[in-house]
């Protein structure tokens, strides 16, 4: 039951639309952006993934070294100790590496279709050893005292959730890792509930449990506790392998509406909806049986990693959710949902 209204100009951004931000690299993918409104414009905080131009018989990728400089590692494709079966992650001598290095870039638009870069707003790169494989999948919570950016910190030792705070997207206060490994998909509610801040997050447990959506609460948005699992995967369903939050939940009269992603064992990513109680967001009032959006368009089915629709950015105008999403881990697209229609689909 796909109820998304896709923009007829999709994809609205492709890797070829931007110049590489790292010298000697090429842009492989543009991925699901964080979204916010500022100065009357729509802004996307794109995840840009880059790597060196590939040479036949070799696989090369960039990492930050201990000095904080980017260096390129290169392996022979026919090396028996190399596992390059996944285009996103390779394994060599027991160590995992990402095939690309991700950072964040700002683009803005007056019409939600044509986006441009403004040189006054520089890219955001990883810093320190806990971001030595890059930073990914930024969600933007727009709050009274600034913009709160939660993102994935990636390094050889772990994947965790980092926080940056900004008022102008020119200077950033980096707060470090706020959810320890292994964790990602963190979306902060944009207002307090009963004088507490809340966030959705996605710890992963390979032995017991799985990739589920959890809720946490905080008094300061840095220290989080009272964690509760609110949505697990469902057997024989479109979200049987993993689930994770999208953007900040939307406040409606019926509850907090969260558009989330789910994937099955074939790594097919779809979007669904959760409805959470307004006063106690750990109470799930309803959940999509069928996806509200599936990878059905050609640009969603084929690409760097096909059969993927993935979002962590949107803004709301009246009854309309203006949703920006990554398709096939390669291009940026836009779709719209009617909040009323999504809520009706949950009944």
Protein backbone atom coordinates (compact mmCIF):
# COMPACT_ATOMS: atom_id res chain seq x y z
CA UNK A 1 0.00 0.00 0.00
CA UNK A 2 2.34 2.71 -1.24
CA UNK A 3 0.67 6.08 -0.49
CA UNK A 4 3.68 8.30 -1.18
CA UNK A 5 3.31 11.00 -3.83
CA UNK A 6 6.69 11.09 -5.55
CA UNK A 7 8.08 14.24 -7.12
CA UNK A 8 7.93 13.94 -10.93
CA UNK A 9 11.44 15.44 -11.09
CA UNK A 10 13.00 12.55 -9.10
CA UNK A 11 15.86 12.02 -8.59
CA UNK A 12 16.33 15.65 -7.56
CA UNK A 13 20.07 15.18 -6.82
CA UNK A 14 22.59 12.78 -8.32
CA UNK A 15 26.31 12.29 -7.54
CA UNK A 16 27.19 14.08 -10.80
CA UNK A 17 25.41 17.25 -9.57
CA UNK A 18 28.16 17.97 -7.03
CA UNK A 19 31.92 18.20 -7.23
CA UNK A 20 33.93 15.94 -4.91
CA UNK A 21 34.83 17.59 -1.62
CA UNK A 22 37.96 15.50 -1.02
CA UNK A 23 40.89 15.98 -3.37
CA UNK A 24 41.52 13.02 -5.68
CA UNK A 25 38.14 11.39 -4.95
CA UNK A 26 34.91 10.85 -6.84
CA UNK A 27 31.38 10.95 -5.41
CA UNK A 28 29.95 7.44 -5.41
CA UNK A 29 26.67 8.11 -3.61
CA UNK A 30 24.44 10.80 -2.20
CA UNK A 31 22.47 9.43 0.72
CA UNK A 32 19.44 10.29 2.84
CA UNK A 33 19.74 13.88 4.08
CA UNK A 34 18.77 15.62 7.29
CA UNK A 35 16.27 18.40 6.54
CA UNK A 36 15.54 21.79 8.10
CA UNK A 37 14.07 25.16 7.18
CA UNK A 38 16.17 28.32 7.57
CA UNK A 39 16.01 31.82 6.06
CA UNK A 40 12.87 30.89 4.09
CA UNK A 41 14.63 28.03 2.30
CA UNK A 42 14.69 24.24 2.53
CA UNK A 43 18.11 22.89 3.48
CA UNK A 44 19.38 19.36 3.05
CA UNK A 45 22.31 18.06 5.05
CA UNK A 46 23.43 15.45 2.54
CA UNK A 47 25.51 12.43 3.36
CA UNK A 48 28.13 12.41 0.58
CA UNK A 49 30.15 9.20 0.09
CA UNK A 50 33.43 9.43 -1.82
CA UNK A 51 36.23 7.08 -2.86
CA UNK A 52 39.19 7.11 -5.26
CA UNK A 53 38.59 6.31 -8.92
CA UNK A 54 38.83 2.54 -9.05
CA UNK A 55 41.62 0.77 -10.95
CA UNK A 56 40.94 -2.59 -12.58
CA UNK A 57 41.87 -5.49 -10.32
CA UNK A 58 42.14 -3.28 -7.22
CA UNK A 59 39.77 -2.04 -4.58
CA UNK A 60 40.71 1.31 -3.04
CA UNK A 61 39.04 3.37 -0.33
CA UNK A 62 39.84 6.36 1.91
CA UNK A 63 40.19 6.43 5.71
CA UNK A 64 41.38 9.01 8.23
CA UNK A 65 44.76 8.05 9.71
CA UNK A 66 45.89 8.71 13.30
CA UNK A 67 47.07 12.18 12.30
CA UNK A 68 43.57 13.07 11.08
CA UNK A 69 44.67 13.07 7.43
CA UNK A 70 42.85 11.14 4.70
CA UNK A 71 44.87 8.27 3.24
CA UNK A 72 43.95 5.67 0.63
CA UNK A 73 44.16 1.91 1.28
CA UNK A 74 44.32 -0.42 -1.71
CA UNK A 75 43.97 -4.21 -1.97
CA UNK A 76 44.09 -6.72 -4.82
CA UNK A 77 40.60 -7.93 -5.69
CA UNK A 78 41.84 -11.51 -6.11
CA UNK A 79 43.48 -11.60 -2.67
CA UNK A 80 41.95 -14.69 -0.98
CA UNK A 81 41.84 -12.83 2.35
CA UNK A 82 39.57 -10.13 0.88
CA UNK A 83 35.77 -10.38 1.07
CA UNK A 84 34.27 -7.73 -1.22
CA UNK A 85 30.84 -9.33 -1.71
CA UNK A 86 29.03 -6.30 -0.20
CA UNK A 87 29.48 -3.02 -2.15
CA UNK A 88 29.30 -1.06 1.13
CA UNK A 89 31.65 -2.98 3.44
CA UNK A 90 34.71 -5.10 2.74
CA UNK A 91 36.57 -7.44 5.09
CA UNK A 92 40.32 -7.98 4.95
CA UNK A 93 42.30 -10.14 7.40
CA UNK A 94 39.44 -10.04 9.90
CA UNK A 95 39.06 -6.22 9.79
CA UNK A 96 36.02 -4.46 8.32
CA UNK A 97 36.44 -1.35 6.16
CA UNK A 98 33.91 0.89 4.42
CA UNK A 99 34.29 1.15 0.65
CA UNK A 100 33.57 4.90 0.82
CA UNK A 101 34.19 7.77 3.24
CA UNK A 102 31.10 9.79 4.17
CA UNK A 103 30.82 13.40 5.32
CA UNK A 104 27.99 15.97 5.38
CA UNK A 105 27.29 18.76 2.89
CA UNK A 106 24.68 21.53 2.88
CA UNK A 107 22.50 22.43 -0.10
CA UNK A 108 19.49 24.78 -0.17
CA UNK A 109 16.43 25.38 -2.35
CA UNK A 110 13.57 27.82 -2.85
CA UNK A 111 11.29 25.25 -4.53
CA UNK A 112 12.28 21.86 -2.99
CA UNK A 113 13.44 20.67 -6.42
CA UNK A 114 16.47 22.72 -7.51
CA UNK A 115 19.22 22.67 -4.87
CA UNK A 116 22.46 24.60 -4.78
CA UNK A 117 25.48 24.93 -2.52
CA UNK A 118 26.25 28.16 -0.69
CA UNK A 119 30.00 28.63 -0.08
CA UNK A 120 29.19 30.37 3.22
CA UNK A 121 28.16 26.97 4.63
CA UNK A 122 31.16 24.59 4.58
CA UNK A 123 31.00 20.77 4.63
CA UNK A 124 31.20 18.90 7.93
CA UNK A 125 33.92 16.22 8.06
CA UNK A 126 34.62 13.56 10.65
CA UNK A 127 37.02 14.43 13.46
CA UNK A 128 39.03 12.13 15.73
CA UNK A 129 39.50 8.37 15.83
CA UNK A 130 35.82 7.61 16.58
CA UNK A 131 34.92 9.20 13.21
CA UNK A 132 37.90 7.84 11.25
CA UNK A 133 35.60 5.92 8.85
CA UNK A 134 33.41 9.03 8.43
CA UNK A 135 30.09 10.43 9.63
CA UNK A 136 26.72 9.35 8.28
CA UNK A 137 22.92 9.71 8.26
CA UNK A 138 22.39 13.02 10.06
CA UNK A 139 19.01 13.87 11.52
CA UNK A 140 18.21 17.48 12.38
CA UNK A 141 15.93 18.37 15.31
CA UNK A 142 14.85 22.02 15.06
CA UNK A 143 14.38 23.34 18.61
CA UNK A 144 13.92 26.71 20.30
CA UNK A 145 17.59 26.94 21.32
CA UNK A 146 19.18 25.72 18.08
CA UNK A 147 19.51 22.83 15.67
CA UNK A 148 20.45 19.48 17.22
CA UNK A 149 22.25 17.14 14.81
CA UNK A 150 22.37 13.45 15.65
CA UNK A 151 24.51 11.35 13.34
CA UNK A 152 26.39 8.06 13.05
CA UNK A 153 30.06 8.07 14.07
CA UNK A 154 31.90 5.29 12.24
CA UNK A 155 35.33 3.89 13.11
CA UNK A 156 37.18 0.53 13.18
CA UNK A 157 36.18 0.03 16.82
CA UNK A 158 32.48 0.89 16.68
CA UNK A 159 29.40 2.60 15.33
CA UNK A 160 27.74 5.04 17.75
CA UNK A 161 25.59 8.18 17.83
CA UNK A 162 27.22 11.61 17.90
CA UNK A 163 25.64 15.00 18.64
CA UNK A 164 26.46 18.45 17.28
CA UNK A 165 24.59 21.65 18.12
CA UNK A 166 24.51 24.75 15.92
CA UNK A 167 22.54 27.95 15.57
CA UNK A 168 23.84 28.98 12.13
CA UNK A 169 25.37 25.90 10.40
CA UNK A 170 28.70 27.72 10.30
CA UNK A 171 30.04 26.86 13.77
CA UNK A 172 29.31 23.61 15.60
CA UNK A 173 29.51 22.55 19.22
CA UNK A 174 30.51 18.87 19.06
CA UNK A 175 29.20 17.03 22.11
CA UNK A 176 30.81 13.65 21.30
CA UNK A 177 29.14 10.24 21.44
CA UNK A 178 25.77 10.31 23.23
CA UNK A 179 24.65 6.71 22.55
CA UNK A 180 27.46 4.14 22.84
CA UNK A 181 28.08 1.31 20.35
CA UNK A 182 26.51 -0.38 18.62
CA UNK A 183 23.89 2.30 17.95
CA UNK A 184 22.48 4.47 15.16
CA UNK A 185 19.21 5.87 13.74
CA UNK A 186 18.79 8.44 16.52
CA UNK A 187 15.93 10.95 16.13
CA UNK A 188 15.30 13.55 18.86
CA UNK A 189 11.74 14.77 19.52
CA UNK A 190 11.57 18.50 18.76
CA UNK A 191 9.82 19.48 21.99
CA UNK A 192 9.75 18.34 25.60
CA UNK A 193 7.11 15.95 26.92
CA UNK A 194 6.34 16.35 30.64
CA UNK A 195 9.51 18.41 31.01
CA UNK A 196 11.76 15.69 29.53
CA UNK A 197 13.51 15.32 26.21
CA UNK A 198 12.96 12.09 24.28
CA UNK A 199 14.81 10.34 21.47
CA UNK A 200 14.39 7.23 19.36
CA UNK A 201 17.53 5.15 18.83
CA UNK A 202 18.55 1.75 17.52
CA UNK A 203 20.96 -0.35 19.58
CA UNK A 204 21.90 -3.64 17.92
CA UNK A 205 22.30 -6.96 19.65
CA UNK A 206 23.66 -9.87 17.60
CA UNK A 207 23.15 -12.51 20.32
CA UNK A 208 19.88 -11.66 22.08
CA UNK A 209 17.33 -9.31 20.57
CA UNK A 210 18.02 -7.60 17.26
CA UNK A 211 17.81 -4.30 15.41
CA UNK A 212 14.86 -2.68 17.19
CA UNK A 213 13.60 0.87 17.86
CA UNK A 214 14.14 2.05 21.44
CA UNK A 215 13.05 5.18 23.31
CA UNK A 216 15.24 7.12 25.76
CA UNK A 217 14.72 10.19 27.91
CA UNK A 218 17.00 12.99 29.05
CA UNK A 219 17.10 16.26 30.99
CA UNK A 220 19.88 17.81 28.85
CA UNK A 221 19.92 15.95 25.47
CA UNK A 222 23.42 14.64 26.23
CA UNK A 223 22.88 12.08 29.02
CA UNK A 224 20.16 9.55 28.19
CA UNK A 225 18.46 6.87 30.29
CA UNK A 226 15.29 4.92 31.08
CA UNK A 227 15.63 3.06 27.76
CA UNK A 228 12.60 1.13 26.51
CA UNK A 229 12.18 -1.05 23.42
CA UNK A 230 9.07 0.15 21.58
CA UNK A 231 9.20 -1.63 18.19
CA UNK A 232 10.80 -4.96 17.27
CA UNK A 233 11.11 -6.69 13.91
CA UNK A 234 8.22 -8.89 12.76
CA UNK A 235 8.63 -12.37 11.28
CA UNK A 236 7.54 -12.88 7.66
CA UNK A 237 7.01 -9.15 7.26
CA UNK A 238 8.54 -6.32 5.22
CA UNK A 239 10.37 -5.25 8.42
CA UNK A 240 11.56 -8.70 9.52
CA UNK A 241 15.33 -8.03 9.65
CA UNK A 242 15.72 -4.51 11.07
CA UNK A 243 13.78 -1.39 11.94
CA UNK A 244 15.01 2.13 12.69
CA UNK A 245 13.75 5.67 13.17
CA UNK A 246 13.41 8.18 10.36
CA UNK A 247 13.31 11.90 11.20
CA UNK A 248 11.99 13.58 14.37
CA UNK A 249 8.44 12.40 15.17
CA UNK A 250 5.58 14.64 14.03
CA UNK A 251 3.12 15.90 16.65
CA UNK A 252 -0.51 15.26 15.62
CA UNK A 253 -3.77 15.36 17.56
CA UNK A 254 -3.81 11.56 17.57
CA UNK A 255 -0.22 11.07 18.75
CA UNK A 256 3.40 11.33 17.72
CA UNK A 257 3.70 10.06 14.14
CA UNK A 258 7.03 8.48 13.26
CA UNK A 259 7.83 7.43 9.70
CA UNK A 260 10.38 4.66 10.15
CA UNK A 261 12.36 2.32 7.93
CA UNK A 262 12.28 -1.43 7.92
CA UNK A 263 14.15 -4.07 5.93
CA UNK A 264 13.73 -7.78 5.30
CA UNK A 265 16.40 -10.46 4.97
CA UNK A 266 16.89 -9.52 1.29
CA UNK A 267 17.92 -5.98 2.39
CA UNK A 268 14.80 -4.48 0.79
CA UNK A 269 14.13 -1.21 2.61
CA UNK A 270 10.60 0.24 2.92
CA UNK A 271 8.96 2.92 5.07
CA UNK A 272 6.19 2.43 7.60
CA UNK A 273 4.52 4.44 10.38
CA UNK A 274 4.35 4.25 14.16
CA UNK A 275 1.86 6.23 16.27
CA UNK A 276 3.03 6.97 19.82
CA UNK A 277 1.03 8.32 22.76
CA UNK A 278 1.32 12.12 23.13
CA UNK A 279 2.03 12.03 26.88
CA UNK A 280 3.85 8.68 27.05
CA UNK A 281 5.73 8.02 23.80
CA UNK A 282 6.76 4.56 25.02
CA UNK A 283 3.14 3.53 24.36
CA UNK A 284 2.70 2.43 20.73
CA UNK A 285 -0.89 3.12 19.67
CA UNK A 286 -0.62 1.79 16.12
CA UNK A 287 1.88 0.47 13.58
CA UNK A 288 1.79 -0.09 9.82
CA UNK A 289 0.94 -3.62 8.73
CA UNK A 290 1.95 -2.80 5.16
CA UNK A 291 4.58 -0.21 4.14
CA UNK A 292 3.44 3.32 3.34
CA UNK A 293 6.28 3.48 0.78
CA UNK A 294 8.18 0.75 -1.08
CA UNK A 295 11.04 0.79 -3.62
CA UNK A 296 8.91 0.57 -6.78
CA UNK A 297 10.31 3.33 -9.01
CA UNK A 298 13.23 2.37 -11.26
CA UNK A 299 15.63 4.76 -9.47
CA UNK A 300 14.67 3.08 -6.16
CA UNK A 301 15.19 -0.44 -7.46
CA UNK A 302 18.61 -0.06 -9.14
CA UNK A 303 21.70 1.83 -8.06
CA UNK A 304 24.73 1.47 -5.78
CA UNK A 305 22.65 -0.75 -3.45
CA UNK A 306 19.22 -1.35 -4.97
CA UNK A 307 15.72 -1.82 -3.57
CA UNK A 308 16.12 0.90 -0.96
CA UNK A 309 14.01 3.86 0.16
CA UNK A 310 15.49 5.38 3.32
CA UNK A 311 14.66 8.65 5.03
CA UNK A 312 15.92 10.66 7.98
CA UNK A 313 14.70 14.09 6.88
CA UNK A 314 11.39 15.91 6.39
CA UNK A 315 9.48 19.05 7.22
CA UNK A 316 5.75 19.54 7.75
CA UNK A 317 3.50 22.10 6.07
CA UNK A 318 -0.13 21.83 7.13
CA UNK A 319 -1.30 18.28 6.46
CA UNK A 320 1.69 17.55 4.20
CA UNK A 321 4.92 15.81 5.15
CA UNK A 322 7.61 16.94 2.69
CA UNK A 323 9.88 13.91 2.87
CA UNK A 324 13.37 13.71 1.37
CA UNK A 325 14.91 10.29 0.98
CA UNK A 326 17.79 8.31 -0.40
CA UNK A 327 16.98 5.86 -3.19
CA UNK A 328 19.12 2.78 -3.96
CA UNK A 329 21.90 4.27 -1.78
CA UNK A 330 22.83 6.58 -4.65
CA UNK A 331 20.42 9.45 -5.40
CA UNK A 332 18.25 11.93 -3.45
CA UNK A 333 14.51 12.07 -4.05
CA UNK A 334 11.42 13.79 -2.67
CA UNK A 335 7.95 12.54 -1.85
CA UNK A 336 4.90 13.85 0.00
CA UNK A 337 2.52 12.22 2.43
CA UNK A 338 -0.81 13.42 3.73
CA UNK A 339 -0.67 13.11 7.53
CA UNK A 340 -4.39 12.34 7.56
CA UNK A 341 -3.90 9.57 4.99
CA UNK A 342 -1.02 8.02 6.94
CA UNK A 343 -3.07 8.11 10.17
CA UNK A 344 -6.03 6.55 8.37
CA UNK A 345 -3.78 3.76 7.09
CA UNK A 346 -3.03 2.86 10.72
CA UNK A 347 -6.70 2.32 11.64
